[in-house]
Structures are given as structure tokens and as C-alpha cells.
């Protein structure tokens, strides 16, 4: 297997491409309701890797380990948000081992995010870059790389590039060709490509 480079994308299953030794934060957005949710939680806890894992509110009840904290992303463009019940327009971010990287204003510590996705050309489950950026700024410990095992639209990688932070993104969908054209061929390391 080739060495993984800074801001690399690996086309393959995350189970075959675990976090590198220098990973200090994992941000995962697995297919909701899938076994990946449970397996990612188990991996995060076993490796003691600080993690933020997106899921539906109902998925929280079946987790093998209770999260240290639950954050909420309320999709503001939804007309079905209510204060009395969760709906499919509220997503939960289960947090394991996250600490705040530096002192910040109290308003950034509410645990409720309302970031809006203004454009979605790439992927139907894309998360807003502003939401991912706040998670990284709040919880990345200023060393190591950010690991994204379910890269999809590669939002985590895009934000890490902008912030000058190393990242390793893994996804089974082969979107490498489009992204490498945009970033240049040096950005991608694909040890599992045939």
C-alpha cells in the first residue's frame, strides 16, 4: 500500500482504510440507519479517536456506546421544523471524545447548528461547508489530520484544504476523476485503485 499523503482521497471502503496514526479528529456522515453508523461509533471509541458522527435522531437509541454529547443540525430551509418533535429535517451529530480546541465565544458552543446549504451540485446528502468548518475549528487540536471515512461530496476535504489542515478522505464511490481535475493530480492518492 502506498503512503497516504496530505489531503488524500482513497477510493475504497473505510473498513479497509482505517484512520492513519496521526488522525486527531474524525468527521463521518455515513448512510443513516446502516451498520456503518454502529461500526464507526465502535471504531471511534476503541481507538479513542475524537469523532463527530452524523445520524438521524432515531439512530441514537441503538448506539453501542452513549455519546459524550449530542449536537443538532436543524435544516433552516425546512418548513417542518418544530420545537415539539424531531422530524427528518433535524440531524444529530453524536460526539465522542471531543474537546474545544481553544477558548471561544459562548455562542459557538450552543450545540445547535442552523447552517444552510446554498448550492448542491455534487451530492444529494452534502453538508454545508460552514457547518463542517465550525466542527473542525472547534474540535481539531491543531495537530494531526482529519479523517473522513464516508467522504461522499468531499466537503471535509474541501474545508481542510481551505484551512491548511491535512485530511484523509475515504469513499466507495469513485469521484476521483472530477476532483483531481479541480485540485490537480497531486492531491489524490488511491492505493486501492486497480
Protein backbone atom coordinates (compact mmCIF):
# COMPACT_ATOMS: atom_id res chain seq x y z
CA UNK A 1 0.00 0.00 0.00
CA UNK A 2 1.29 3.46 -0.91
CA UNK A 3 1.87 6.05 1.78
CA UNK A 4 -1.11 8.33 2.28
CA UNK A 5 -0.29 11.95 1.51
CA UNK A 6 -1.64 15.19 2.94
CA UNK A 7 -5.23 15.85 1.79
CA UNK A 8 -5.51 12.47 0.15
CA UNK A 9 -8.56 10.69 -1.20
CA UNK A 10 -8.75 6.92 -1.12
CA UNK A 11 -11.30 5.16 -3.29
CA UNK A 12 -12.43 2.16 -1.29
CA UNK A 13 -14.23 1.01 1.83
CA UNK A 14 -13.40 2.75 5.10
CA UNK A 15 -13.14 -0.65 6.78
CA UNK A 16 -10.16 -1.39 4.51
CA UNK A 17 -8.69 2.10 5.00
CA UNK A 18 -8.71 2.86 8.73
CA UNK A 19 -7.66 6.23 10.13
CA UNK A 20 -3.93 6.92 9.89
CA UNK A 21 -1.92 7.00 13.12
CA UNK A 22 -1.78 10.83 13.03
CA UNK A 23 -5.58 11.25 12.78
CA UNK A 24 -6.75 13.50 15.63
CA UNK A 25 -10.37 14.09 14.55
CA UNK A 26 -12.94 12.07 12.60
CA UNK A 27 -15.99 13.63 10.96
CA UNK A 28 -18.27 10.97 9.50
CA UNK A 29 -21.54 11.17 7.60
CA UNK A 30 -22.46 7.51 6.98
CA UNK A 31 -25.62 6.25 5.32
CA UNK A 32 -28.21 6.73 8.05
CA UNK A 33 -29.66 3.59 9.57
CA UNK A 34 -26.84 1.44 8.13
CA UNK A 35 -24.44 -0.82 10.02
CA UNK A 36 -21.73 1.76 9.23
CA UNK A 37 -23.16 4.04 11.93
CA UNK A 38 -22.66 1.40 14.62
CA UNK A 39 -19.26 0.28 13.28
CA UNK A 40 -17.95 3.87 13.13
CA UNK A 41 -19.03 4.52 16.71
CA UNK A 42 -17.31 1.33 17.84
CA UNK A 43 -14.11 2.25 15.94
CA UNK A 44 -14.09 5.79 17.37
CA UNK A 45 -14.47 4.51 20.92
CA UNK A 46 -11.99 1.62 20.53
CA UNK A 47 -9.32 3.88 19.02
CA UNK A 48 -10.15 6.81 21.31
CA UNK A 49 -10.39 8.95 18.19
CA UNK A 50 -12.34 12.17 18.85
CA UNK A 51 -15.30 11.97 16.49
CA UNK A 52 -18.42 13.71 15.24
CA UNK A 53 -20.79 11.26 13.53
CA UNK A 54 -23.93 12.48 11.73
CA UNK A 55 -27.13 10.40 12.08
CA UNK A 56 -30.91 10.56 12.36
CA UNK A 57 -32.24 11.22 15.88
CA UNK A 58 -33.78 7.71 15.97
CA UNK A 59 -30.35 6.12 15.35
CA UNK A 60 -29.07 7.43 18.71
CA UNK A 61 -31.14 4.91 20.69
CA UNK A 62 -29.42 1.92 19.07
CA UNK A 63 -25.83 3.08 19.56
CA UNK A 64 -23.49 0.63 21.31
CA UNK A 65 -21.94 3.44 23.38
CA UNK A 66 -23.74 6.54 24.62
CA UNK A 67 -22.29 9.72 23.02
CA UNK A 68 -20.49 12.21 25.26
CA UNK A 69 -22.57 14.94 23.67
CA UNK A 70 -25.29 15.35 21.04
CA UNK A 71 -25.23 18.30 18.68
CA UNK A 72 -28.15 19.13 16.40
CA UNK A 73 -28.25 20.44 12.84
CA UNK A 74 -31.62 21.98 12.06
CA UNK A 75 -32.01 22.46 8.33
CA UNK A 76 -33.39 26.01 8.19
CA UNK A 77 -34.95 25.74 4.75
CA UNK A 78 -37.33 23.10 6.10
CA UNK A 79 -40.92 24.09 6.83
CA UNK A 80 -41.42 21.04 9.04
CA UNK A 81 -39.12 22.01 11.92
CA UNK A 82 -40.97 22.26 15.18
CA UNK A 83 -39.82 22.74 18.72
CA UNK A 84 -42.07 19.91 19.92
CA UNK A 85 -40.78 16.97 17.87
CA UNK A 86 -37.90 15.86 15.75
CA UNK A 87 -38.54 15.42 12.09
CA UNK A 88 -36.44 14.23 9.20
CA UNK A 89 -35.19 17.79 8.87
CA UNK A 90 -33.19 17.61 12.08
CA UNK A 91 -29.97 15.61 12.15
CA UNK A 92 -27.98 14.64 15.21
CA UNK A 93 -24.21 14.74 15.50
CA UNK A 94 -23.07 12.15 18.05
CA UNK A 95 -19.80 13.28 19.64
CA UNK A 96 -17.20 11.03 21.20
CA UNK A 97 -14.14 12.45 22.97
CA UNK A 98 -14.47 15.95 21.52
CA UNK A 99 -12.97 18.85 23.41
CA UNK A 100 -12.85 22.50 22.45
CA UNK A 101 -9.55 23.35 20.79
CA UNK A 102 -9.37 26.91 22.11
CA UNK A 103 -11.44 29.38 24.11
CA UNK A 104 -14.26 30.85 22.06
CA UNK A 105 -17.37 32.93 22.38
CA UNK A 106 -20.27 31.14 24.12
CA UNK A 107 -22.45 31.46 21.01
CA UNK A 108 -20.23 28.94 19.19
CA UNK A 109 -20.84 26.36 21.93
CA UNK A 110 -24.61 26.03 21.76
CA UNK A 111 -24.68 22.59 20.15
CA UNK A 112 -27.38 23.69 17.74
CA UNK A 113 -26.39 24.48 14.17
CA UNK A 114 -28.60 26.08 11.53
CA UNK A 115 -26.09 26.35 8.69
CA UNK A 116 -27.72 26.46 5.28
CA UNK A 117 -26.65 24.62 2.17
CA UNK A 118 -26.92 27.21 -0.58
CA UNK A 119 -25.77 25.10 -3.51
CA UNK A 120 -25.69 21.39 -4.02
CA UNK A 121 -24.29 20.37 -7.38
CA UNK A 122 -22.29 17.33 -6.29
CA UNK A 123 -24.10 15.08 -3.87
CA UNK A 124 -27.65 14.87 -2.57
CA UNK A 125 -26.57 14.46 1.10
CA UNK A 126 -23.91 17.15 1.11
CA UNK A 127 -23.40 19.10 4.35
CA UNK A 128 -22.81 22.87 4.40
CA UNK A 129 -19.12 23.82 4.40
CA UNK A 130 -19.81 26.33 7.19
CA UNK A 131 -21.10 23.53 9.46
CA UNK A 132 -18.07 21.32 8.79
CA UNK A 133 -15.72 24.28 9.22
CA UNK A 134 -17.19 25.09 12.64
CA UNK A 135 -16.82 21.47 13.75
CA UNK A 136 -13.18 21.47 12.64
CA UNK A 137 -12.34 24.89 14.10
CA UNK A 138 -14.00 23.99 17.40
CA UNK A 139 -12.55 20.50 17.83
CA UNK A 140 -9.39 19.94 15.76
CA UNK A 141 -6.49 20.00 18.29
CA UNK A 142 -4.11 21.93 15.98
CA UNK A 143 -2.08 18.86 15.00
CA UNK A 144 -2.62 15.68 13.03
CA UNK A 145 -5.08 15.10 10.21
CA UNK A 146 -8.86 14.99 9.94
CA UNK A 147 -10.22 11.60 8.86
CA UNK A 148 -13.44 11.38 6.81
CA UNK A 149 -14.43 7.71 6.28
CA UNK A 150 -17.59 8.48 4.27
CA UNK A 151 -16.35 11.29 2.04
CA UNK A 152 -19.26 11.46 -0.44
CA UNK A 153 -19.09 15.04 -1.75
CA UNK A 154 -15.70 15.52 -0.03
CA UNK A 155 -16.82 18.56 1.94
CA UNK A 156 -14.45 17.76 4.83
CA UNK A 157 -11.51 17.61 2.43
CA UNK A 158 -12.54 20.89 0.77
CA UNK A 159 -12.77 22.68 4.13
CA UNK A 160 -9.45 21.20 5.34
CA UNK A 161 -7.73 22.42 2.16
CA UNK A 162 -9.07 25.92 2.71
CA UNK A 163 -7.90 25.90 6.35
CA UNK A 164 -4.50 24.39 5.51
CA UNK A 165 -5.18 21.22 7.52
CA UNK A 166 -4.25 17.71 6.41
CA UNK A 167 -7.07 15.26 5.75
CA UNK A 168 -7.63 11.69 4.63
CA UNK A 169 -10.95 11.04 2.88
CA UNK A 170 -12.27 7.58 2.01
CA UNK A 171 -15.32 6.73 -0.08
CA UNK A 172 -16.50 3.78 -2.13
CA UNK A 173 -17.83 5.99 -4.93
CA UNK A 174 -15.15 6.78 -7.48
CA UNK A 175 -15.39 10.56 -7.78
CA UNK A 176 -11.62 10.85 -8.04
CA UNK A 177 -11.53 11.93 -11.67
CA UNK A 178 -13.69 15.02 -11.19
CA UNK A 179 -11.92 16.16 -8.02
CA UNK A 180 -8.41 15.57 -9.32
CA UNK A 181 -9.16 17.78 -12.30
CA UNK A 182 -10.22 20.54 -9.93
CA UNK A 183 -7.33 20.18 -7.46
CA UNK A 184 -4.57 18.81 -9.66
CA UNK A 185 -3.37 15.22 -9.80
CA UNK A 186 -1.03 15.67 -6.83
CA UNK A 187 -3.98 15.81 -4.44
CA UNK A 188 -5.11 12.24 -4.77
CA UNK A 189 -3.57 9.06 -3.51
CA UNK A 190 -5.54 5.99 -4.44
CA UNK A 191 -3.77 2.90 -3.12
CA UNK A 192 -6.83 0.70 -3.73
CA UNK A 193 -7.46 1.64 -7.34
CA UNK A 194 -6.94 -1.31 -9.70
